[in-house]
Amino acid sequence: MQAEAQKDVKMILDGISILEYLPDYSGLEAMVFLEELEKALKADLSSSGDFGKIEKIFNDLDRGGKKFGGIKIPLLRFIPQLESVAGVSGDVTKKMVLRGI
């Protein structure tokens, strides 16, 4: 289960829409998928300093409408943990945009 989630997360980070994978996950599988996604996004942000992949995921979820709105809740909880090389003020600005503030 974890290996499959890691493979799917890699595809998402490589540019495929998260909407392609969400219908396949529910219950425990969804929790494992979200954990892997969060770890990968943190690692990507730490190495690149770019919120672009995180923004793409949120944009894709917005395009998916209410059907995928519930998946944003755990991701919104994850946002405060994000830190990039841009520093606190740059991070706060990006975090506000992601939260829709």
PDB file of N, CA and C in Angstrom:
ATOM      1  N   MET A   1       0.832  -1.191   0.000  1.00  0.00           N
ATOM      2  CA  MET A   1       0.000   0.000   0.000  1.00  0.00           C
ATOM      3  C   MET A   1       0.879   1.258   0.000  1.00  0.00           C
ATOM      4  N   GLN A   2       1.906   1.281   0.842  1.00  0.00           N
ATOM      5  CA  GLN A   2       2.770   2.453   0.919  1.00  0.00           C
ATOM      6  C   GLN A   2       3.565   2.638  -0.371  1.00  0.00           C
ATOM      7  N   ALA A   3       4.035   1.550  -0.951  1.00  0.00           N
ATOM      8  CA  ALA A   3       4.805   1.637  -2.197  1.00  0.00           C
ATOM      9  C   ALA A   3       3.942   2.194  -3.328  1.00  0.00           C
ATOM     10  N   GLU A   4       2.696   1.757  -3.381  1.00  0.00           N
ATOM     11  CA  GLU A   4       1.775   2.256  -4.410  1.00  0.00           C
ATOM     12  C   GLU A   4       1.516   3.747  -4.216  1.00  0.00           C
ATOM     13  N   ALA A   5       1.328   4.166  -2.972  1.00  0.00           N
ATOM     14  CA  ALA A   5       1.100   5.579  -2.671  1.00  0.00           C
ATOM     15  C   ALA A   5       2.329   6.400  -3.058  1.00  0.00           C
ATOM     16  N   GLN A   6       3.518   5.901  -2.756  1.00  0.00           N
ATOM     17  CA  GLN A   6       4.746   6.613  -3.113  1.00  0.00           C
ATOM     18  C   GLN A   6       4.874   6.770  -4.627  1.00  0.00           C
ATOM     19  N   LYS A   7       4.517   5.722  -5.359  1.00  0.00           N
ATOM     20  CA  LYS A   7       4.564   5.781  -6.825  1.00  0.00           C
ATOM     21  C   LYS A   7       3.583   6.843  -7.346  1.00  0.00           C
ATOM     22  N   ASP A   8       2.383   6.851  -6.808  1.00  0.00           N
ATOM     23  CA  ASP A   8       1.379   7.828  -7.230  1.00  0.00           C
ATOM     24  C   ASP A   8       1.813   9.256  -6.880  1.00  0.00           C
ATOM     25  N   VAL A   9       2.377   9.434  -5.694  1.00  0.00           N
ATOM     26  CA  VAL A   9       2.852  10.755  -5.279  1.00  0.00           C
ATOM     27  C   VAL A   9       3.943  11.245  -6.212  1.00  0.00           C
ATOM     28  N   LYS A  10       4.848  10.359  -6.604  1.00  0.00           N
ATOM     29  CA  LYS A  10       5.906  10.751  -7.540  1.00  0.00           C
ATOM     30  C   LYS A  10       5.307  11.230  -8.858  1.00  0.00           C
ATOM     31  N   MET A  11       4.290  10.536  -9.329  1.00  0.00           N
ATOM     32  CA  MET A  11       3.635  10.942 -10.587  1.00  0.00           C
ATOM     33  C   MET A  11       2.999  12.320 -10.433  1.00  0.00           C
ATOM     34  N   ILE A  12       2.407  12.587  -9.280  1.00  0.00           N
ATOM     35  CA  ILE A  12       1.784  13.888  -9.024  1.00  0.00           C
ATOM     36  C   ILE A  12       2.849  14.980  -9.000  1.00  0.00           C
ATOM     37  N   LEU A  13       3.962  14.715  -8.317  1.00  0.00           N
ATOM     38  CA  LEU A  13       5.035  15.712  -8.275  1.00  0.00           C
ATOM     39  C   LEU A  13       5.663  15.929  -9.641  1.00  0.00           C
ATOM     40  N   ASP A  14       5.561  14.919 -10.505  1.00  0.00           N
ATOM     41  CA  ASP A  14       6.079  15.052 -11.866  1.00  0.00           C
ATOM     42  C   ASP A  14       5.109  15.789 -12.792  1.00  0.00           C
ATOM     43  N   GLY A  15       3.914  16.132 -12.266  1.00  0.00           N
ATOM     44  CA  GLY A  15       3.015  16.980 -13.040  1.00  0.00           C
ATOM     45  C   GLY A  15       1.635  16.445 -13.356  1.00  0.00           C
ATOM     46  N   ILE A  16       1.379  15.176 -13.077  1.00  0.00           N
ATOM     47  CA  ILE A  16       0.041  14.635 -13.328  1.00  0.00           C
ATOM     48  C   ILE A  16      -0.897  15.152 -12.241  1.00  0.00           C
ATOM     49  N   SER A  17      -2.119  15.469 -12.600  1.00  0.00           N
ATOM     50  CA  SER A  17      -3.089  16.017 -11.661  1.00  0.00           C
ATOM     51  C   SER A  17      -3.412  15.031 -10.544  1.00  0.00           C
ATOM     52  N   ILE A  18      -3.505  15.550  -9.340  1.00  0.00           N
ATOM     53  CA  ILE A  18      -3.900  14.734  -8.188  1.00  0.00           C
ATOM     54  C   ILE A  18      -5.293  14.145  -8.397  1.00  0.00           C
ATOM     55  N   LEU A  19      -6.106  14.782  -9.206  1.00  0.00           N
ATOM     56  CA  LEU A  19      -7.472  14.305  -9.455  1.00  0.00           C
ATOM     57  C   LEU A  19      -7.480  12.944 -10.143  1.00  0.00           C
ATOM     58  N   GLU A  20      -6.385  12.601 -10.823  1.00  0.00           N
ATOM     59  CA  GLU A  20      -6.287  11.298 -11.484  1.00  0.00           C
ATOM     60  C   GLU A  20      -6.196  10.163 -10.465  1.00  0.00           C
ATOM     61  N   TYR A  21      -5.721  10.454  -9.262  1.00  0.00           N
ATOM     62  CA  TYR A  21      -5.449   9.417  -8.277  1.00  0.00           C
ATOM     63  C   TYR A  21      -6.440   9.356  -7.127  1.00  0.00           C
ATOM     64  N   LEU A  22      -7.080  10.451  -6.803  1.00  0.00           N
ATOM     65  CA  LEU A  22      -7.949  10.484  -5.624  1.00  0.00           C
ATOM     66  C   LEU A  22      -9.086   9.474  -5.642  1.00  0.00           C
ATOM     67  N   PRO A  23      -9.729   9.218  -6.768  1.00  0.00           N
ATOM     68  CA  PRO A  23     -10.828   8.250  -6.728  1.00  0.00           C
ATOM     69  C   PRO A  23     -10.377   6.846  -6.303  1.00  0.00           C
ATOM     70  N   ASP A  24      -9.086   6.551  -6.443  1.00  0.00           N
ATOM     71  CA  ASP A  24      -8.589   5.221  -6.101  1.00  0.00           C
ATOM     72  C   ASP A  24      -8.347   5.039  -4.608  1.00  0.00           C
ATOM     73  N   TYR A  25      -8.409   6.127  -3.835  1.00  0.00           N
ATOM     74  CA  TYR A  25      -8.055   6.053  -2.420  1.00  0.00           C
ATOM     75  C   TYR A  25      -9.257   6.307  -1.516  1.00  0.00           C
ATOM     76  N   SER A  26      -9.350   5.472  -0.478  1.00  0.00           N
ATOM     77  CA  SER A  26     -10.373   5.687   0.554  1.00  0.00           C
ATOM     78  C   SER A  26      -9.870   5.054   1.849  1.00  0.00           C
ATOM     79  N   GLY A  27     -10.421   5.504   2.956  1.00  0.00           N
ATOM     80  CA  GLY A  27     -10.086   4.945   4.259  1.00  0.00           C
ATOM     81  C   GLY A  27      -8.602   5.004   4.578  1.00  0.00           C
ATOM     82  N   LEU A  28      -8.069   3.876   5.013  1.00  0.00           N
ATOM     83  CA  LEU A  28      -6.666   3.780   5.406  1.00  0.00           C
ATOM     84  C   LEU A  28      -5.738   4.094   4.235  1.00  0.00           C
ATOM     85  N   GLU A  29      -6.099   3.647   3.054  1.00  0.00           N
ATOM     86  CA  GLU A  29      -5.281   3.943   1.874  1.00  0.00           C
ATOM     87  C   GLU A  29      -5.150   5.447   1.659  1.00  0.00           C
ATOM     88  N   ALA A  30      -6.231   6.178   1.868  1.00  0.00           N
ATOM     89  CA  ALA A  30      -6.204   7.632   1.702  1.00  0.00           C
ATOM     90  C   ALA A  30      -5.282   8.272   2.728  1.00  0.00           C
ATOM     91  N   MET A  31      -5.298   7.758   3.956  1.00  0.00           N
ATOM     92  CA  MET A  31      -4.421   8.303   5.000  1.00  0.00           C
ATOM     93  C   MET A  31      -2.956   8.075   4.649  1.00  0.00           C
ATOM     94  N   VAL A  32      -2.627   6.886   4.170  1.00  0.00           N
ATOM     95  CA  VAL A  32      -1.250   6.583   3.770  1.00  0.00           C
ATOM     96  C   VAL A  32      -0.851   7.460   2.591  1.00  0.00           C
ATOM     97  N   PHE A  33      -1.743   7.609   1.627  1.00  0.00           N
ATOM     98  CA  PHE A  33      -1.474   8.453   0.464  1.00  0.00           C
ATOM     99  C   PHE A  33      -1.185   9.892   0.893  1.00  0.00           C
ATOM    100  N   LEU A  34      -2.013  10.440   1.769  1.00  0.00           N
ATOM    101  CA  LEU A  34      -1.817  11.821   2.224  1.00  0.00           C
ATOM    102  C   LEU A  34      -0.515  11.982   3.011  1.00  0.00           C
ATOM    103  N   GLU A  35      -0.174  10.999   3.823  1.00  0.00           N
ATOM    104  CA  GLU A  35       1.101  11.058   4.549  1.00  0.00           C
ATOM    105  C   GLU A  35       2.273  11.082   3.582  1.00  0.00           C
ATOM    106  N   GLU A  36       2.226  10.237   2.576  1.00  0.00           N
ATOM    107  CA  GLU A  36       3.303  10.196   1.579  1.00  0.00           C
ATOM    108  C   GLU A  36       3.351  11.492   0.776  1.00  0.00           C
ATOM    109  N   LEU A  37       2.189  12.024   0.454  1.00  0.00           N
ATOM    110  CA  LEU A  37       2.127  13.279  -0.288  1.00  0.00           C
ATOM    111  C   LEU A  37       2.729  14.414   0.536  1.00  0.00           C
ATOM    112  N   GLU A  38       2.369  14.489   1.807  1.00  0.00           N
ATOM    113  CA  GLU A  38       2.905  15.540   2.674  1.00  0.00           C
ATOM    114  C   GLU A  38       4.417  15.429   2.807  1.00  0.00           C
ATOM    115  N   LYS A  39       4.930  14.217   3.017  1.00  0.00           N
ATOM    116  CA  LYS A  39       6.386  14.032   3.128  1.00  0.00           C
ATOM    117  C   LYS A  39       7.090  14.473   1.852  1.00  0.00           C
ATOM    118  N   ALA A  40       6.535  14.079   0.718  1.00  0.00           N
ATOM    119  CA  ALA A  40       7.156  14.420  -0.563  1.00  0.00           C
ATOM    120  C   ALA A  40       7.097  15.919  -0.825  1.00  0.00           C
ATOM    121  N   LEU A  41       5.991  16.564  -0.482  1.00  0.00           N
ATOM    122  CA  LEU A  41       5.880  18.006  -0.694  1.00  0.00           C
ATOM    123  C   LEU A  41       6.834  18.778   0.211  1.00  0.00           C
ATOM    124  N   LYS A  42       6.965  18.338   1.458  1.00  0.00           N
ATOM    125  CA  LYS A  42       7.921  18.983   2.371  1.00  0.00           C
ATOM    126  C   LYS A  42       9.341  18.854   1.833  1.00  0.00           C
ATOM    127  N   ALA A  43       9.695  17.668   1.380  1.00  0.00           N
ATOM    128  CA  ALA A  43      11.038  17.435   0.849  1.00  0.00           C
ATOM    129  C   ALA A  43      11.278  18.278  -0.398  1.00  0.00           C
ATOM    130  N   ASP A  44      10.277  18.341  -1.279  1.00  0.00           N
ATOM    131  CA  ASP A  44      10.414  19.136  -2.492  1.00  0.00           C
ATOM    132  C   ASP A  44      10.571  20.616  -2.165  1.00  0.00           C
ATOM    133  N   LEU A  45       9.756  21.114  -1.253  1.00  0.00           N
ATOM    134  CA  LEU A  45       9.830  22.519  -0.867  1.00  0.00           C
ATOM    135  C   LEU A  45      11.175  22.831  -0.209  1.00  0.00           C
ATOM    136  N   SER A  46      11.639  21.915   0.613  1.00  0.00           N
ATOM    137  CA  SER A  46      12.921  22.111   1.291  1.00  0.00           C
ATOM    138  C   SER A  46      14.071  22.189   0.292  1.00  0.00           C
ATOM    139  N   SER A  47      14.025  21.361  -0.736  1.00  0.00           N
ATOM    140  CA  SER A  47      15.124  21.351  -1.701  1.00  0.00           C
ATOM    141  C   SER A  47      14.998  22.436  -2.765  1.00  0.00           C
ATOM    142  N   SER A  48      13.780  22.750  -3.160  1.00  0.00           N
ATOM    143  CA  SER A  48      13.596  23.712  -4.261  1.00  0.00           C
ATOM    144  C   SER A  48      13.286  25.123  -3.783  1.00  0.00           C
ATOM    145  N   GLY A  49      12.663  25.244  -2.603  1.00  0.00           N
ATOM    146  CA  GLY A  49      12.233  26.554  -2.118  1.00  0.00           C
ATOM    147  C   GLY A  49      11.040  27.102  -2.880  1.00  0.00           C
ATOM    148  N   ASP A  50      10.403  26.261  -3.682  1.00  0.00           N
ATOM    149  CA  ASP A  50       9.311  26.684  -4.558  1.00  0.00           C
ATOM    150  C   ASP A  50       7.994  26.032  -4.129  1.00  0.00           C
ATOM    151  N   PHE A  51       6.981  26.851  -3.921  1.00  0.00           N
ATOM    152  CA  PHE A  51       5.659  26.359  -3.541  1.00  0.00           C
ATOM    153  C   PHE A  51       4.837  25.911  -4.760  1.00  0.00           C
ATOM    154  N   GLY A  52       5.420  25.926  -5.936  1.00  0.00           N
ATOM    155  CA  GLY A  52       4.687  25.659  -7.175  1.00  0.00           C
ATOM    156  C   GLY A  52       3.932  24.346  -7.204  1.00  0.00           C
ATOM    157  N   LYS A  53       4.543  23.268  -6.765  1.00  0.00           N
ATOM    158  CA  LYS A  53       3.874  21.963  -6.805  1.00  0.00           C
ATOM    159  C   LYS A  53       2.714  21.915  -5.817  1.00  0.00           C
ATOM    160  N   ILE A  54       2.898  22.553  -4.682  1.00  0.00           N
ATOM    161  CA  ILE A  54       1.822  22.606  -3.693  1.00  0.00           C
ATOM    162  C   ILE A  54       0.662  23.437  -4.247  1.00  0.00           C
ATOM    163  N   GLU A  55       0.976  24.566  -4.871  1.00  0.00           N
ATOM    164  CA  GLU A  55      -0.060  25.407  -5.479  1.00  0.00           C
ATOM    165  C   GLU A  55      -0.802  24.651  -6.569  1.00  0.00           C
ATOM    166  N   LYS A  56      -0.090  23.870  -7.369  1.00  0.00           N
ATOM    167  CA  LYS A  56      -0.737  23.104  -8.435  1.00  0.00           C
ATOM    168  C   LYS A  56      -1.742  22.115  -7.850  1.00  0.00           C
ATOM    169  N   ILE A  57      -1.371  21.445  -6.770  1.00  0.00           N
ATOM    170  CA  ILE A  57      -2.277  20.484  -6.153  1.00  0.00           C
ATOM    171  C   ILE A  57      -3.542  21.184  -5.657  1.00  0.00           C
ATOM    172  N   PHE A  58      -3.385  22.333  -5.003  1.00  0.00           N
ATOM    173  CA  PHE A  58      -4.555  23.071  -4.527  1.00  0.00           C
ATOM    174  C   PHE A  58      -5.407  23.559  -5.702  1.00  0.00           C
ATOM    175  N   ASN A  59      -4.787  24.015  -6.769  1.00  0.00           N
ATOM    176  CA  ASN A  59      -5.531  24.454  -7.957  1.00  0.00           C
ATOM    177  C   ASN A  59      -6.295  23.283  -8.569  1.00  0.00           C
ATOM    178  N   ASP A  60      -5.646  22.120  -8.645  1.00  0.00           N
ATOM    179  CA  ASP A  60      -6.329  20.934  -9.174  1.00  0.00           C
ATOM    180  C   ASP A  60      -7.525  20.562  -8.315  1.00  0.00           C
ATOM    181  N   LEU A  61      -7.348  20.617  -7.001  1.00  0.00           N
ATOM    182  CA  LEU A  61      -8.466  20.290  -6.100  1.00  0.00           C
ATOM    183  C   LEU A  61      -9.605  21.293  -6.255  1.00  0.00           C
ATOM    184  N   ASP A  62      -9.276  22.564  -6.435  1.00  0.00           N
ATOM    185  CA  ASP A  62     -10.314  23.576  -6.665  1.00  0.00           C
ATOM    186  C   ASP A  62     -11.072  23.283  -7.955  1.00  0.00           C
ATOM    187  N   ARG A  63     -10.354  22.872  -8.987  1.00  0.00           N
ATOM    188  CA  ARG A  63     -10.994  22.529 -10.259  1.00  0.00           C
ATOM    189  C   ARG A  63     -11.902  21.312 -10.119  1.00  0.00           C
ATOM    190  N   GLY A  64     -11.552  20.414  -9.186  1.00  0.00           N
ATOM    191  CA  GLY A  64     -12.351  19.211  -8.970  1.00  0.00           C
ATOM    192  C   GLY A  64     -13.672  19.481  -8.280  1.00  0.00           C
ATOM    193  N   GLY A  65     -13.809  20.663  -7.717  1.00  0.00           N
ATOM    194  CA  GLY A  65     -15.061  21.057  -7.081  1.00  0.00           C
ATOM    195  C   GLY A  65     -15.286  20.403  -5.733  1.00  0.00           C
ATOM    196  N   LYS A  66     -16.529  20.399  -5.326  1.00  0.00           N
ATOM    197  CA  LYS A  66     -16.909  19.898  -3.994  1.00  0.00           C
ATOM    198  C   LYS A  66     -16.617  18.408  -3.832  1.00  0.00           C
ATOM    199  N   LYS A  67     -16.576  17.695  -4.918  1.00  0.00           N
ATOM    200  CA  LYS A  67     -16.339  16.255  -4.869  1.00  0.00           C
ATOM    201  C   LYS A  67     -15.035  15.926  -4.134  1.00  0.00           C
ATOM    202  N   PHE A  68     -14.020  16.795  -4.301  1.00  0.00           N
ATOM    203  CA  PHE A  68     -12.721  16.554  -3.684  1.00  0.00           C
ATOM    204  C   PHE A  68     -12.396  17.565  -2.594  1.00  0.00           C
ATOM    205  N   GLY A  69     -13.371  18.341  -2.185  1.00  0.00           N
ATOM    206  CA  GLY A  69     -13.147  19.361  -1.168  1.00  0.00           C
ATOM    207  C   GLY A  69     -12.662  18.794   0.156  1.00  0.00           C
ATOM    208  N   GLY A  70     -13.118  17.614   0.528  1.00  0.00           N
ATOM    209  CA  GLY A  70     -12.724  17.010   1.794  1.00  0.00           C
ATOM    210  C   GLY A  70     -11.251  16.687   1.885  1.00  0.00           C
ATOM    211  N   ILE A  71     -10.616  16.475   0.756  1.00  0.00           N
ATOM    212  CA  ILE A  71      -9.191  16.146   0.763  1.00  0.00           C
ATOM    213  C   ILE A  71      -8.354  17.372   1.112  1.00  0.00           C
ATOM    214  N   LYS A  72      -8.922  18.559   0.935  1.00  0.00           N
ATOM    215  CA  LYS A  72      -8.174  19.781   1.251  1.00  0.00           C
ATOM    216  C   LYS A  72      -7.998  19.988   2.753  1.00  0.00           C
ATOM    217  N   ILE A  73      -8.894  19.445   3.562  1.00  0.00           N
ATOM    218  CA  ILE A  73      -8.827  19.672   5.009  1.00  0.00           C
ATOM    219  C   ILE A  73      -7.492  19.196   5.590  1.00  0.00           C
ATOM    220  N   PRO A  74      -7.073  17.934   5.337  1.00  0.00           N
ATOM    221  CA  PRO A  74      -5.773  17.532   5.881  1.00  0.00           C
ATOM    222  C   PRO A  74      -4.619  18.332   5.278  1.00  0.00           C
ATOM    223  N   LEU A  75      -4.743  18.712   4.028  1.00  0.00           N
ATOM    224  CA  LEU A  75      -3.679  19.504   3.402  1.00  0.00           C
ATOM    225  C   LEU A  75      -3.627  20.913   3.977  1.00  0.00           C
ATOM    226  N   LEU A  76      -4.773  21.474   4.326  1.00  0.00           N
ATOM    227  CA  LEU A  76      -4.775  22.795   4.959  1.00  0.00           C
ATOM    228  C   LEU A  76      -4.124  22.744   6.338  1.00  0.00           C
ATOM    229  N   ARG A  77      -4.306  21.638   7.047  1.00  0.00           N
ATOM    230  CA  ARG A  77      -3.654  21.469   8.352  1.00  0.00           C
ATOM    231  C   ARG A  77      -2.145  21.339   8.202  1.00  0.00           C
ATOM    232  N   PHE A  78      -1.714  20.863   7.077  1.00  0.00           N
ATOM    233  CA  PHE A  78      -0.312  20.625   6.776  1.00  0.00           C
ATOM    234  C   PHE A  78       0.434  21.919   6.424  1.00  0.00           C
ATOM    235  N   ILE A  79      -0.263  22.911   5.912  1.00  0.00           N
ATOM    236  CA  ILE A  79       0.363  24.158   5.449  1.00  0.00           C
ATOM    237  C   ILE A  79       1.221  24.854   6.503  1.00  0.00           C
ATOM    238  N   PRO A  80       0.777  24.996   7.755  1.00  0.00           N
ATOM    239  CA  PRO A  80       1.613  25.711   8.731  1.00  0.00           C
ATOM    240  C   PRO A  80       2.996  25.079   8.950  1.00  0.00           C
ATOM    241  N   GLN A  81       3.138  23.802   8.646  1.00  0.00           N
ATOM    242  CA  GLN A  81       4.405  23.110   8.837  1.00  0.00           C
ATOM    243  C   GLN A  81       5.431  23.415   7.744  1.00  0.00           C
ATOM    244  N   LEU A  82       4.997  24.036   6.673  1.00  0.00           N
ATOM    245  CA  LEU A  82       5.878  24.255   5.531  1.00  0.00           C
ATOM    246  C   LEU A  82       6.890  25.358   5.792  1.00  0.00           C
ATOM    247  N   GLU A  83       8.118  25.101   5.391  1.00  0.00           N
ATOM    248  CA  GLU A  83       9.176  26.100   5.492  1.00  0.00           C
ATOM    249  C   GLU A  83      10.042  26.002   4.247  1.00  0.00           C
ATOM    250  N   SER A  84      10.336  27.146   3.658  1.00  0.00           N
ATOM    251  CA  SER A  84      11.211  27.170   2.487  1.00  0.00           C
ATOM    252  C   SER A  84      12.417  28.046   2.784  1.00  0.00           C
ATOM    253  N   VAL A  85      13.301  28.119   1.810  1.00  0.00           N
ATOM    254  CA  VAL A  85      14.487  28.969   1.954  1.00  0.00           C
ATOM    255  C   VAL A  85      14.150  30.447   1.775  1.00  0.00           C
ATOM    256  N   ALA A  86      12.910  30.750   1.404  1.00  0.00           N
ATOM    257  CA  ALA A  86      12.497  32.141   1.184  1.00  0.00           C
ATOM    258  C   ALA A  86      12.408  32.921   2.490  1.00  0.00           C
ATOM    259  N   GLY A  87      12.338  32.223   3.606  1.00  0.00           N
ATOM    260  CA  GLY A  87      12.230  32.896   4.889  1.00  0.00           C
ATOM    261  C   GLY A  87      10.793  33.054   5.334  1.00  0.00           C
ATOM    262  N   VAL A  88      10.642  33.514   6.542  1.00  0.00           N
ATOM    263  CA  VAL A  88       9.330  33.592   7.179  1.00  0.00           C
ATOM    264  C   VAL A  88       8.352  34.462   6.393  1.00  0.00           C
ATOM    265  N   SER A  89       8.759  35.660   5.999  1.00  0.00           N
ATOM    266  CA  SER A  89       7.800  36.549   5.330  1.00  0.00           C
ATOM    267  C   SER A  89       7.356  35.991   3.983  1.00  0.00           C
ATOM    268  N   GLY A  90       8.264  35.413   3.228  1.00  0.00           N
ATOM    269  CA  GLY A  90       7.894  34.795   1.957  1.00  0.00           C
ATOM    270  C   GLY A  90       6.989  33.602   2.153  1.00  0.00           C
ATOM    271  N   ASP A  91       7.292  32.810   3.178  1.00  0.00           N
ATOM    272  CA  ASP A  91       6.470  31.639   3.466  1.00  0.00           C
ATOM    273  C   ASP A  91       5.067  32.032   3.911  1.00  0.00           C
ATOM    274  N   VAL A  92       4.978  33.050   4.749  1.00  0.00           N
ATOM    275  CA  VAL A  92       3.661  33.491   5.235  1.00  0.00           C
ATOM    276  C   VAL A  92       2.790  33.938   4.063  1.00  0.00           C
ATOM    277  N   THR A  93       3.365  34.684   3.143  1.00  0.00           N
ATOM    278  CA  THR A  93       2.614  35.139   1.975  1.00  0.00           C
ATOM    279  C   THR A  93       2.088  33.948   1.177  1.00  0.00           C
ATOM    280  N   LYS A  94       2.943  32.983   0.906  1.00  0.00           N
ATOM    281  CA  LYS A  94       2.518  31.799   0.137  1.00  0.00           C
ATOM    282  C   LYS A  94       1.463  30.991   0.894  1.00  0.00           C
ATOM    283  N   LYS A  95       1.657  30.844   2.203  1.00  0.00           N
ATOM    284  CA  LYS A  95       0.701  30.090   3.006  1.00  0.00           C
ATOM    285  C   LYS A  95      -0.671  30.747   3.000  1.00  0.00           C
ATOM    286  N   MET A  96      -0.686  32.066   3.023  1.00  0.00           N
ATOM    287  CA  MET A  96      -1.966  32.788   2.983  1.00  0.00           C
ATOM    288  C   MET A  96      -2.667  32.554   1.644  1.00  0.00           C
ATOM    289  N   VAL A  97      -1.909  32.569   0.567  1.00  0.00           N
ATOM    290  CA  VAL A  97      -2.486  32.330  -0.745  1.00  0.00           C
ATOM    291  C   VAL A  97      -3.066  30.916  -0.809  1.00  0.00           C
ATOM    292  N   LEU A  98      -2.329  29.933  -0.316  1.00  0.00           N
ATOM    293  CA  LEU A  98      -2.805  28.549  -0.327  1.00  0.00           C
ATOM    294  C   LEU A  98      -4.089  28.391   0.487  1.00  0.00           C
ATOM    295  N   ARG A  99      -4.194  29.100   1.584  1.00  0.00           N
ATOM    296  CA  ARG A  99      -5.380  29.011   2.438  1.00  0.00           C
ATOM    297  C   ARG A  99      -6.536  29.863   1.913  1.00  0.00           C
ATOM    298  N   GLY A 100      -6.293  30.630   0.853  1.00  0.00           N
ATOM    299  CA  GLY A 100      -7.348  31.458   0.284  1.00  0.00           C
ATOM    300  C   GLY A 100      -7.608  32.721   1.054  1.00  0.00           C
ATOM    301  N   ILE A 101      -6.590  33.198   1.770  1.00  0.00           N
ATOM    302  CA  ILE A 101      -6.753  34.415   2.575  1.00  0.00           C
ATOM    303  C   ILE A 101      -6.305  35.614   1.768  1.00  0.00           C
TER     304      ILE A 101
END
